[in-house]
């Protein structure tokens, strides 16, 4: 048998390197998901007291939330999003949204007022998305009295700190194209069109856009090799 060609050897090495990268990415996600309190290292961010708003913030895993707390968050989401969902092909469905919110990987950043009432929340997950280790932001929802108070940006800053401290490559999210308020909000927070949106022939027909923010401490991000595939489950089911 002849010697292995140089090209074959390089392909084998590339496959091995990719396998090792994916294993490392999976380990980072698993480690992040094992942390019981992601706010433990962020004590300075447990309160927001600005512009007449005073709330306490906490990390909760979905299994730690009561039915009443989940009902309260679903109500906030419904009040903010039902009309927007119903104005596109998705349509609003309480059962489907609650099912998404209660999936086992769901994590929450919860804001409570002085009476311990939930006034805002962010639903997020540590996950692999297109083989990238990410925090995927499924929802950030605030009740109307707390909107435009700076609390939303504060919560996104906490989410980014959680993500980047755990060495995720991106914070990634989906946003409805016709939700001008959310689009302006995320772009003011530094989010840009994600690499998975590069192929307009795929995404131009969808009612949403994918945005992301890259971890500034991670340089090992390949932005040129994006699989041209249809929307992932998270992108199909969740949008702010």
Protein backbone atom coordinates (compact mmCIF):
# COMPACT_ATOMS: atom_id res chain seq x y z
CA UNK A 1 0.00 0.00 0.00
CA UNK A 2 1.36 3.43 -0.91
CA UNK A 3 1.93 6.24 1.48
CA UNK A 4 -1.00 8.38 2.51
CA UNK A 5 -1.18 11.49 0.35
CA UNK A 6 -0.54 14.88 1.90
CA UNK A 7 -4.09 16.03 1.08
CA UNK A 8 -5.59 12.94 2.70
CA UNK A 9 -3.46 13.47 5.79
CA UNK A 10 -4.53 17.11 6.02
CA UNK A 11 -8.20 16.16 5.67
CA UNK A 12 -7.81 13.59 8.43
CA UNK A 13 -6.12 16.14 10.70
CA UNK A 14 -8.86 18.69 9.96
CA UNK A 15 -11.58 16.16 10.85
CA UNK A 16 -9.79 15.30 14.06
CA UNK A 17 -9.37 18.97 14.97
CA UNK A 18 -13.06 19.64 14.30
CA UNK A 19 -14.08 16.65 16.41
CA UNK A 20 -11.90 17.91 19.26
CA UNK A 21 -13.34 21.43 18.89
CA UNK A 22 -16.91 20.16 19.08
CA UNK A 23 -16.07 18.04 22.13
CA UNK A 24 -14.54 21.09 23.83
CA UNK A 25 -17.58 23.21 22.92
CA UNK A 26 -19.92 20.59 24.33
CA UNK A 27 -17.89 20.44 27.54
CA UNK A 28 -18.15 24.22 27.96
CA UNK A 29 -21.92 24.11 27.52
CA UNK A 30 -22.27 21.19 29.95
CA UNK A 31 -20.15 22.97 32.55
CA UNK A 32 -22.15 26.18 32.22
CA UNK A 33 -25.43 24.29 32.58
CA UNK A 34 -24.17 22.70 35.81
CA UNK A 35 -23.77 26.04 37.65
CA UNK A 36 -26.57 26.32 40.24
CA UNK A 37 -26.47 30.12 40.58
CA UNK A 38 -25.03 32.11 37.70
CA UNK A 39 -25.46 35.31 39.71
CA UNK A 40 -23.09 34.13 42.44
CA UNK A 41 -20.15 35.76 40.65
CA UNK A 42 -22.19 38.86 39.81
CA UNK A 43 -23.19 40.12 43.24
CA UNK A 44 -22.95 43.75 42.12
CA UNK A 45 -25.69 43.09 39.55
CA UNK A 46 -28.27 41.64 41.92
CA UNK A 47 -30.07 44.98 42.18
CA UNK A 48 -31.11 47.69 39.77
CA UNK A 49 -31.84 51.04 41.39
CA UNK A 50 -32.03 53.73 38.74
CA UNK A 51 -34.54 56.12 37.17
CA UNK A 52 -37.02 55.50 39.94
CA UNK A 53 -36.91 51.72 39.38
CA UNK A 54 -35.84 49.37 42.16
CA UNK A 55 -35.76 45.63 41.51
CA UNK A 56 -33.87 42.56 42.66
CA UNK A 57 -32.46 40.16 40.08
CA UNK A 58 -31.89 36.43 40.38
CA UNK A 59 -31.05 33.39 38.28
CA UNK A 60 -33.57 30.56 38.40
CA UNK A 61 -33.60 27.25 36.56
CA UNK A 62 -36.96 26.25 35.15
CA UNK A 63 -37.32 23.42 37.67
CA UNK A 64 -37.04 25.92 40.53
CA UNK A 65 -40.00 28.01 39.37
CA UNK A 66 -43.53 27.49 40.64
CA UNK A 67 -46.53 27.20 38.34
CA UNK A 68 -47.65 30.62 39.55
CA UNK A 69 -44.31 32.18 38.61
CA UNK A 70 -44.41 30.57 35.17
CA UNK A 71 -47.99 31.78 34.72
CA UNK A 72 -46.89 35.30 35.59
CA UNK A 73 -44.08 35.23 33.03
CA UNK A 74 -46.35 33.76 30.36
CA UNK A 75 -48.81 36.60 31.00
CA UNK A 76 -46.07 39.21 30.56
CA UNK A 77 -44.97 37.55 27.33
CA UNK A 78 -48.53 37.28 26.04
CA UNK A 79 -49.30 40.93 26.80
CA UNK A 80 -46.18 42.07 24.94
CA UNK A 81 -46.05 39.62 22.05
CA UNK A 82 -49.45 38.19 21.15
CA UNK A 83 -50.35 40.90 18.63
CA UNK A 84 -46.90 40.68 17.03
CA UNK A 85 -47.09 36.89 16.75
CA UNK A 86 -50.60 37.07 15.31
CA UNK A 87 -49.47 39.55 12.66
CA UNK A 88 -47.15 36.97 11.09
CA UNK A 89 -47.41 33.30 10.15
CA UNK A 90 -46.54 32.07 13.64
CA UNK A 91 -49.69 33.07 15.49
CA UNK A 92 -49.90 33.08 19.28
CA UNK A 93 -50.52 29.82 21.13
CA UNK A 94 -50.45 29.73 24.94
CA UNK A 95 -49.81 25.99 25.12
CA UNK A 96 -46.87 26.08 22.69
CA UNK A 97 -45.28 29.09 24.37
CA UNK A 98 -45.60 27.58 27.83
CA UNK A 99 -44.15 24.34 26.50
CA UNK A 100 -41.14 26.24 25.16
CA UNK A 101 -40.73 28.13 28.43
CA UNK A 102 -40.76 24.94 30.50
CA UNK A 103 -38.30 22.83 28.48
CA UNK A 104 -35.65 21.27 30.71
CA UNK A 105 -32.75 23.47 29.53
CA UNK A 106 -34.57 26.75 30.18
CA UNK A 107 -32.93 29.24 32.53
CA UNK A 108 -34.27 32.56 33.71
CA UNK A 109 -32.98 35.90 34.83
CA UNK A 110 -35.86 37.22 36.91
CA UNK A 111 -36.48 40.78 38.12
CA UNK A 112 -38.79 41.31 41.11
CA UNK A 113 -40.16 44.46 42.66
CA UNK A 114 -40.33 45.22 46.39
CA UNK A 115 -43.34 42.92 46.76
CA UNK A 116 -41.46 40.02 45.08
CA UNK A 117 -43.72 40.34 42.04
CA UNK A 118 -42.06 39.37 38.74
CA UNK A 119 -41.87 42.51 36.61
CA UNK A 120 -39.36 41.35 33.98
CA UNK A 121 -37.59 38.19 32.89
CA UNK A 122 -35.13 36.82 30.40
CA UNK A 123 -35.45 33.22 29.22
CA UNK A 124 -32.09 31.89 28.01
CA UNK A 125 -30.18 28.66 27.48
CA UNK A 126 -26.61 27.50 27.19
CA UNK A 127 -26.55 25.39 24.05
CA UNK A 128 -24.75 24.42 20.85
CA UNK A 129 -26.23 26.31 17.92
CA UNK A 130 -24.78 25.49 14.47
CA UNK A 131 -21.91 23.89 16.44
CA UNK A 132 -21.15 27.16 18.28
CA UNK A 133 -21.32 27.31 22.05
CA UNK A 134 -23.80 30.07 22.78
CA UNK A 135 -26.20 31.60 25.21
CA UNK A 136 -29.44 31.74 23.24
CA UNK A 137 -31.79 34.47 24.43
CA UNK A 138 -35.32 33.20 23.90
CA UNK A 139 -37.12 36.11 25.51
CA UNK A 140 -36.51 39.33 27.32
CA UNK A 141 -39.83 40.73 28.47
CA UNK A 142 -40.64 43.65 30.76
CA UNK A 143 -43.99 44.82 32.05
CA UNK A 144 -44.96 48.20 30.65
CA UNK A 145 -44.10 50.31 33.76
CA UNK A 146 -40.52 49.03 33.57
CA UNK A 147 -39.98 49.49 29.85
CA UNK A 148 -37.66 52.32 28.73
CA UNK A 149 -36.19 52.49 32.24
CA UNK A 150 -32.76 51.07 31.41
CA UNK A 151 -33.64 47.77 33.08
CA UNK A 152 -33.73 45.88 29.79
CA UNK A 153 -30.19 46.93 28.86
CA UNK A 154 -29.04 46.12 32.37
CA UNK A 155 -30.47 42.61 32.06
CA UNK A 156 -28.83 42.09 28.67
CA UNK A 157 -25.52 43.16 30.20
CA UNK A 158 -25.96 40.50 32.89
CA UNK A 159 -26.78 37.89 30.25
CA UNK A 160 -23.62 38.79 28.34
CA UNK A 161 -21.50 38.59 31.48
CA UNK A 162 -22.93 35.15 32.24
CA UNK A 163 -22.21 34.01 28.69
CA UNK A 164 -18.71 35.38 28.36
CA UNK A 165 -17.60 34.32 31.84
CA UNK A 166 -18.53 30.78 30.79
CA UNK A 167 -16.53 31.18 27.55
CA UNK A 168 -19.47 31.08 25.15
CA UNK A 169 -18.69 32.34 21.66
CA UNK A 170 -21.89 34.33 21.22
CA UNK A 171 -25.05 35.59 22.75
CA UNK A 172 -27.53 34.86 19.97
CA UNK A 173 -31.23 35.68 19.59
CA UNK A 174 -34.07 35.95 17.12
CA UNK A 175 -36.18 39.05 16.65
CA UNK A 176 -39.28 39.60 14.56
CA UNK A 177 -38.49 41.84 11.62
CA UNK A 178 -41.66 43.87 12.17
CA UNK A 179 -40.91 44.40 15.88
CA UNK A 180 -39.25 47.79 15.44
CA UNK A 181 -38.95 48.45 19.18
CA UNK A 182 -37.06 45.20 19.80
CA UNK A 183 -34.87 45.64 16.71
CA UNK A 184 -33.85 49.13 17.79
CA UNK A 185 -33.27 47.95 21.36
CA UNK A 186 -30.96 45.06 20.46
CA UNK A 187 -29.02 47.08 17.92
CA UNK A 188 -28.53 49.81 20.53
CA UNK A 189 -27.06 47.07 22.75
CA UNK A 190 -24.49 46.25 20.07
CA UNK A 191 -26.17 43.26 18.41
CA UNK A 192 -25.62 42.73 14.70
CA UNK A 193 -26.94 40.41 12.01
CA UNK A 194 -25.59 36.96 12.76
CA UNK A 195 -23.44 34.90 10.40
CA UNK A 196 -26.25 32.37 10.06
CA UNK A 197 -28.22 35.04 8.18
CA UNK A 198 -25.63 35.33 5.39
CA UNK A 199 -27.73 33.51 2.80
CA UNK A 200 -30.63 35.82 1.99
CA UNK A 201 -32.18 33.21 -0.27
CA UNK A 202 -32.98 31.23 2.88
CA UNK A 203 -33.85 33.95 5.37
CA UNK A 204 -35.55 36.62 3.29
CA UNK A 205 -38.85 34.73 3.44
CA UNK A 206 -38.84 34.41 7.24
CA UNK A 207 -40.55 36.86 9.56
CA UNK A 208 -37.55 37.04 11.88
CA UNK A 209 -33.86 37.89 11.85
CA UNK A 210 -31.02 36.38 13.87
CA UNK A 211 -28.79 38.79 15.80
CA UNK A 212 -25.74 38.13 17.93
CA UNK A 213 -22.92 39.61 19.94
CA UNK A 214 -19.50 37.97 19.89
CA UNK A 215 -17.47 37.29 23.01
CA UNK A 216 -14.66 39.87 22.74
CA UNK A 217 -12.27 37.50 24.53
CA UNK A 218 -12.72 34.71 22.00
CA UNK A 219 -10.86 34.93 18.73
CA UNK A 220 -11.43 31.36 17.51
CA UNK A 221 -14.63 32.16 15.63
CA UNK A 222 -14.91 30.97 12.06
CA UNK A 223 -17.33 33.37 10.39
CA UNK A 224 -16.78 32.12 6.88
CA UNK A 225 -17.98 28.55 7.08
CA UNK A 226 -21.70 28.68 7.77
CA UNK A 227 -23.87 25.71 6.79
CA UNK A 228 -26.70 26.72 4.47
CA UNK A 229 -29.53 24.96 6.26
CA UNK A 230 -33.04 25.78 7.33
CA UNK A 231 -33.94 27.45 10.61
CA UNK A 232 -33.01 25.64 13.79
CA UNK A 233 -35.69 24.62 16.29
CA UNK A 234 -34.84 27.51 18.58
CA UNK A 235 -35.11 30.02 15.74
CA UNK A 236 -38.45 28.61 14.61
CA UNK A 237 -40.06 28.65 18.02
CA UNK A 238 -38.70 31.68 19.82
CA UNK A 239 -38.61 35.34 19.03
CA UNK A 240 -38.57 38.63 20.90
